[in-house]
């Protein structure tokens, strides 16, 4: 997931706009990391089933 995609999703929450810039940056990084790790894990699980 790109930073732009994450921001687009997170902007759907009204809480996103109540956060400071530093908090938003941290949230975006954590969101991208979580999403990318989840996709990586699913790929590893899918590869082991073959």
PDB file of N, CA and C in Angstrom:
ATOM      1  N   UNK A   1       0.850  -1.168   0.000  1.00  0.00           N
ATOM      2  CA  UNK A   1       0.000   0.000   0.000  1.00  0.00           C
ATOM      3  C   UNK A   1       0.899   1.235   0.000  1.00  0.00           C
ATOM      4  N   UNK A   2       0.517   2.176  -0.808  1.00  0.00           N
ATOM      5  CA  UNK A   2       1.281   3.419  -0.859  1.00  0.00           C
ATOM      6  C   UNK A   2       0.786   4.390   0.214  1.00  0.00           C
ATOM      7  N   UNK A   3       1.595   5.385   0.476  1.00  0.00           N
ATOM      8  CA  UNK A   3       1.216   6.408   1.455  1.00  0.00           C
ATOM      9  C   UNK A   3      -0.048   7.130   1.004  1.00  0.00           C
ATOM     10  N   UNK A   4      -0.136   7.418  -0.285  1.00  0.00           N
ATOM     11  CA  UNK A   4      -1.312   8.122  -0.807  1.00  0.00           C
ATOM     12  C   UNK A   4      -2.585   7.292  -0.628  1.00  0.00           C
ATOM     13  N   UNK A   5      -2.498   5.989  -0.855  1.00  0.00           N
ATOM     14  CA  UNK A   5      -3.659   5.117  -0.668  1.00  0.00           C
ATOM     15  C   UNK A   5      -4.080   5.088   0.797  1.00  0.00           C
ATOM     16  N   UNK A   6      -3.108   4.992   1.694  1.00  0.00           N
ATOM     17  CA  UNK A   6      -3.400   4.965   3.127  1.00  0.00           C
ATOM     18  C   UNK A   6      -4.059   6.263   3.574  1.00  0.00           C
ATOM     19  N   UNK A   7      -3.531   7.391   3.124  1.00  0.00           N
ATOM     20  CA  UNK A   7      -4.117   8.682   3.500  1.00  0.00           C
ATOM     21  C   UNK A   7      -5.548   8.778   2.991  1.00  0.00           C
ATOM     22  N   UNK A   8      -5.790   8.332   1.766  1.00  0.00           N
ATOM     23  CA  UNK A   8      -7.142   8.353   1.207  1.00  0.00           C
ATOM     24  C   UNK A   8      -8.125   7.567   2.053  1.00  0.00           C
ATOM     25  N   UNK A   9      -7.691   6.421   2.562  1.00  0.00           N
ATOM     26  CA  UNK A   9      -8.559   5.601   3.410  1.00  0.00           C
ATOM     27  C   UNK A   9      -8.733   6.241   4.778  1.00  0.00           C
ATOM     28  N   UNK A  10      -7.638   6.680   5.373  1.00  0.00           N
ATOM     29  CA  UNK A  10      -7.699   7.249   6.722  1.00  0.00           C
ATOM     30  C   UNK A  10      -8.474   8.562   6.768  1.00  0.00           C
ATOM     31  N   UNK A  11      -8.496   9.292   5.671  1.00  0.00           N
ATOM     32  CA  UNK A  11      -9.234  10.561   5.627  1.00  0.00           C
ATOM     33  C   UNK A  11     -10.741  10.353   5.715  1.00  0.00           C
ATOM     34  N   UNK A  12     -11.201   9.135   5.533  1.00  0.00           N
ATOM     35  CA  UNK A  12     -12.622   8.844   5.658  1.00  0.00           C
ATOM     36  C   UNK A  12     -13.091   8.921   7.110  1.00  0.00           C
ATOM     37  N   UNK A  13     -12.143   8.893   8.039  1.00  0.00           N
ATOM     38  CA  UNK A  13     -12.478   8.978   9.458  1.00  0.00           C
ATOM     39  C   UNK A  13     -12.392  10.424   9.941  1.00  0.00           C
ATOM     40  N   UNK A  14     -13.422  10.887  10.644  1.00  0.00           N
ATOM     41  CA  UNK A  14     -13.354  12.255  11.180  1.00  0.00           C
ATOM     42  C   UNK A  14     -12.262  12.409  12.240  1.00  0.00           C
ATOM     43  N   UNK A  15     -11.841  11.319  12.849  1.00  0.00           N
ATOM     44  CA  UNK A  15     -10.799  11.381  13.870  1.00  0.00           C
ATOM     45  C   UNK A  15      -9.445  11.726  13.272  1.00  0.00           C
ATOM     46  N   UNK A  16      -9.248  11.393  12.010  1.00  0.00           N
ATOM     47  CA  UNK A  16      -7.985  11.682  11.342  1.00  0.00           C
ATOM     48  C   UNK A  16      -7.691  13.178  11.380  1.00  0.00           C
ATOM     49  N   UNK A  17      -8.708  13.996  11.211  1.00  0.00           N
ATOM     50  CA  UNK A  17      -8.527  15.443  11.152  1.00  0.00           C
ATOM     51  C   UNK A  17      -8.365  16.079  12.529  1.00  0.00           C
ATOM     52  N   UNK A  18      -8.628  15.318  13.581  1.00  0.00           N
ATOM     53  CA  UNK A  18      -8.444  15.831  14.933  1.00  0.00           C
ATOM     54  C   UNK A  18      -7.031  15.559  15.448  1.00  0.00           C
ATOM     55  N   UNK A  19      -6.251  14.825  14.667  1.00  0.00           N
ATOM     56  CA  UNK A  19      -4.890  14.465  15.066  1.00  0.00           C
ATOM     57  C   UNK A  19      -3.910  15.551  14.610  1.00  0.00           C
ATOM     58  N   UNK A  20      -2.782  15.625  15.305  1.00  0.00           N
ATOM     59  CA  UNK A  20      -1.723  16.544  14.876  1.00  0.00           C
ATOM     60  C   UNK A  20      -1.037  15.941  13.649  1.00  0.00           C
ATOM     61  N   UNK A  21      -0.238  16.757  12.977  1.00  0.00           N
ATOM     62  CA  UNK A  21       0.481  16.282  11.789  1.00  0.00           C
ATOM     63  C   UNK A  21       1.407  15.121  12.154  1.00  0.00           C
ATOM     64  N   UNK A  22       2.108  15.236  13.273  1.00  0.00           N
ATOM     65  CA  UNK A  22       3.023  14.165  13.695  1.00  0.00           C
ATOM     66  C   UNK A  22       2.254  12.868  13.969  1.00  0.00           C
ATOM     67  N   UNK A  23       1.091  12.981  14.604  1.00  0.00           N
ATOM     68  CA  UNK A  23       0.267  11.803  14.877  1.00  0.00           C
ATOM     69  C   UNK A  23      -0.244  11.180  13.584  1.00  0.00           C
ATOM     70  N   UNK A  24      -0.617  12.024  12.627  1.00  0.00           N
ATOM     71  CA  UNK A  24      -1.085  11.519  11.335  1.00  0.00           C
ATOM     72  C   UNK A  24       0.024  10.778  10.607  1.00  0.00           C
ATOM     73  N   UNK A  25       1.223  11.350  10.615  1.00  0.00           N
ATOM     74  CA  UNK A  25       2.357  10.699   9.944  1.00  0.00           C
ATOM     75  C   UNK A  25       2.642   9.333  10.560  1.00  0.00           C
ATOM     76  N   UNK A  26       2.601   9.263  11.881  1.00  0.00           N
ATOM     77  CA  UNK A  26       2.839   7.992  12.565  1.00  0.00           C
ATOM     78  C   UNK A  26       1.737   6.996  12.212  1.00  0.00           C
ATOM     79  N   UNK A  27       0.501   7.437  12.225  1.00  0.00           N
ATOM     80  CA  UNK A  27      -0.618   6.567  11.898  1.00  0.00           C
ATOM     81  C   UNK A  27      -0.502   6.023  10.475  1.00  0.00           C
ATOM     82  N   UNK A  28      -0.161   6.869   9.530  1.00  0.00           N
ATOM     83  CA  UNK A  28      -0.023   6.447   8.133  1.00  0.00           C
ATOM     84  C   UNK A  28       1.086   5.408   8.007  1.00  0.00           C
ATOM     85  N   UNK A  29       2.218   5.646   8.649  1.00  0.00           N
ATOM     86  CA  UNK A  29       3.324   4.671   8.602  1.00  0.00           C
ATOM     87  C   UNK A  29       2.905   3.337   9.210  1.00  0.00           C
ATOM     88  N   UNK A  30       2.252   3.382  10.366  1.00  0.00           N
ATOM     89  CA  UNK A  30       1.815   2.154  11.028  1.00  0.00           C
ATOM     90  C   UNK A  30       0.771   1.419  10.189  1.00  0.00           C
ATOM     91  N   UNK A  31      -0.136   2.164   9.583  1.00  0.00           N
ATOM     92  CA  UNK A  31      -1.183   1.572   8.751  1.00  0.00           C
ATOM     93  C   UNK A  31      -0.563   0.876   7.536  1.00  0.00           C
ATOM     94  N   UNK A  32       0.365   1.530   6.871  1.00  0.00           N
ATOM     95  CA  UNK A  32       1.044   0.937   5.712  1.00  0.00           C
ATOM     96  C   UNK A  32       1.832  -0.301   6.124  1.00  0.00           C
ATOM     97  N   UNK A  33       2.571  -0.201   7.220  1.00  0.00           N
ATOM     98  CA  UNK A  33       3.357  -1.342   7.696  1.00  0.00           C
ATOM     99  C   UNK A  33       2.452  -2.527   8.022  1.00  0.00           C
ATOM    100  N   UNK A  34       1.358  -2.270   8.727  1.00  0.00           N
ATOM    101  CA  UNK A  34       0.429  -3.343   9.091  1.00  0.00           C
ATOM    102  C   UNK A  34      -0.152  -3.988   7.844  1.00  0.00           C
ATOM    103  N   UNK A  35      -0.621  -3.179   6.911  1.00  0.00           N
ATOM    104  CA  UNK A  35      -1.227  -3.694   5.690  1.00  0.00           C
ATOM    105  C   UNK A  35      -0.215  -4.514   4.881  1.00  0.00           C
ATOM    106  N   UNK A  36       0.978  -3.975   4.701  1.00  0.00           N
ATOM    107  CA  UNK A  36       1.995  -4.658   3.910  1.00  0.00           C
ATOM    108  C   UNK A  36       2.445  -5.963   4.565  1.00  0.00           C
ATOM    109  N   UNK A  37       2.545  -5.993   5.891  1.00  0.00           N
ATOM    110  CA  UNK A  37       2.887  -7.233   6.590  1.00  0.00           C
ATOM    111  C   UNK A  37       1.780  -8.259   6.451  1.00  0.00           C
ATOM    112  N   UNK A  38       0.545  -7.828   6.503  1.00  0.00           N
ATOM    113  CA  UNK A  38      -0.588  -8.732   6.341  1.00  0.00           C
ATOM    114  C   UNK A  38      -0.596  -9.350   4.945  1.00  0.00           C
ATOM    115  N   UNK A  39      -0.365  -8.542   3.934  1.00  0.00           N
ATOM    116  CA  UNK A  39      -0.312  -9.045   2.562  1.00  0.00           C
ATOM    117  C   UNK A  39       0.844 -10.025   2.404  1.00  0.00           C
ATOM    118  N   UNK A  40       1.976  -9.704   3.009  1.00  0.00           N
ATOM    119  CA  UNK A  40       3.142 -10.588   2.930  1.00  0.00           C
ATOM    120  C   UNK A  40       2.844 -11.930   3.587  1.00  0.00           C
ATOM    121  N   UNK A  41       2.204 -11.911   4.752  1.00  0.00           N
ATOM    122  CA  UNK A  41       1.851 -13.147   5.448  1.00  0.00           C
ATOM    123  C   UNK A  41       0.878 -13.983   4.628  1.00  0.00           C
ATOM    124  N   UNK A  42      -0.098 -13.340   4.017  1.00  0.00           N
ATOM    125  CA  UNK A  42      -1.064 -14.073   3.197  1.00  0.00           C
ATOM    126  C   UNK A  42      -0.370 -14.703   1.999  1.00  0.00           C
ATOM    127  N   UNK A  43       0.583 -14.012   1.417  1.00  0.00           N
ATOM    128  CA  UNK A  43       1.329 -14.555   0.304  1.00  0.00           C
ATOM    129  C   UNK A  43       2.147 -15.764   0.712  1.00  0.00           C
ATOM    130  N   UNK A  44       2.745 -15.701   1.890  1.00  0.00           N
ATOM    131  CA  UNK A  44       3.535 -16.823   2.401  1.00  0.00           C
ATOM    132  C   UNK A  44       2.644 -18.013   2.697  1.00  0.00           C
ATOM    133  N   UNK A  45       1.475 -17.771   3.228  1.00  0.00           N
ATOM    134  CA  UNK A  45       0.542 -18.864   3.526  1.00  0.00           C
ATOM    135  C   UNK A  45       0.027 -19.489   2.249  1.00  0.00           C
ATOM    136  N   UNK A  46      -0.260 -18.663   1.270  1.00  0.00           N
ATOM    137  CA  UNK A  46      -0.752 -19.166  -0.013  1.00  0.00           C
ATOM    138  C   UNK A  46       0.297 -19.986  -0.731  1.00  0.00           C
ATOM    139  N   UNK A  47       1.548 -19.602  -0.605  1.00  0.00           N
ATOM    140  CA  UNK A  47       2.631 -20.324  -1.256  1.00  0.00           C
ATOM    141  C   UNK A  47       2.901 -21.670  -0.608  1.00  0.00           C
ATOM    142  N   UNK A  48       2.617 -21.804   0.690  1.00  0.00           N
ATOM    143  CA  UNK A  48       2.898 -23.062   1.377  1.00  0.00           C
ATOM    144  C   UNK A  48       1.831 -24.107   1.128  1.00  0.00           C
ATOM    145  N   UNK A  49       0.679 -23.710   0.603  1.00  0.00           N
ATOM    146  CA  UNK A  49      -0.413 -24.647   0.341  1.00  0.00           C
ATOM    147  C   UNK A  49      -0.197 -25.428  -0.943  1.00  0.00           C
ATOM    148  N   UNK A  50       0.708 -24.962  -1.807  1.00  0.00           N
ATOM    149  CA  UNK A  50       0.915 -25.607  -3.097  1.00  0.00           C
ATOM    150  C   UNK A  50       1.737 -26.855  -2.992  1.00  0.00           C
TER     151      UNK A  50
END
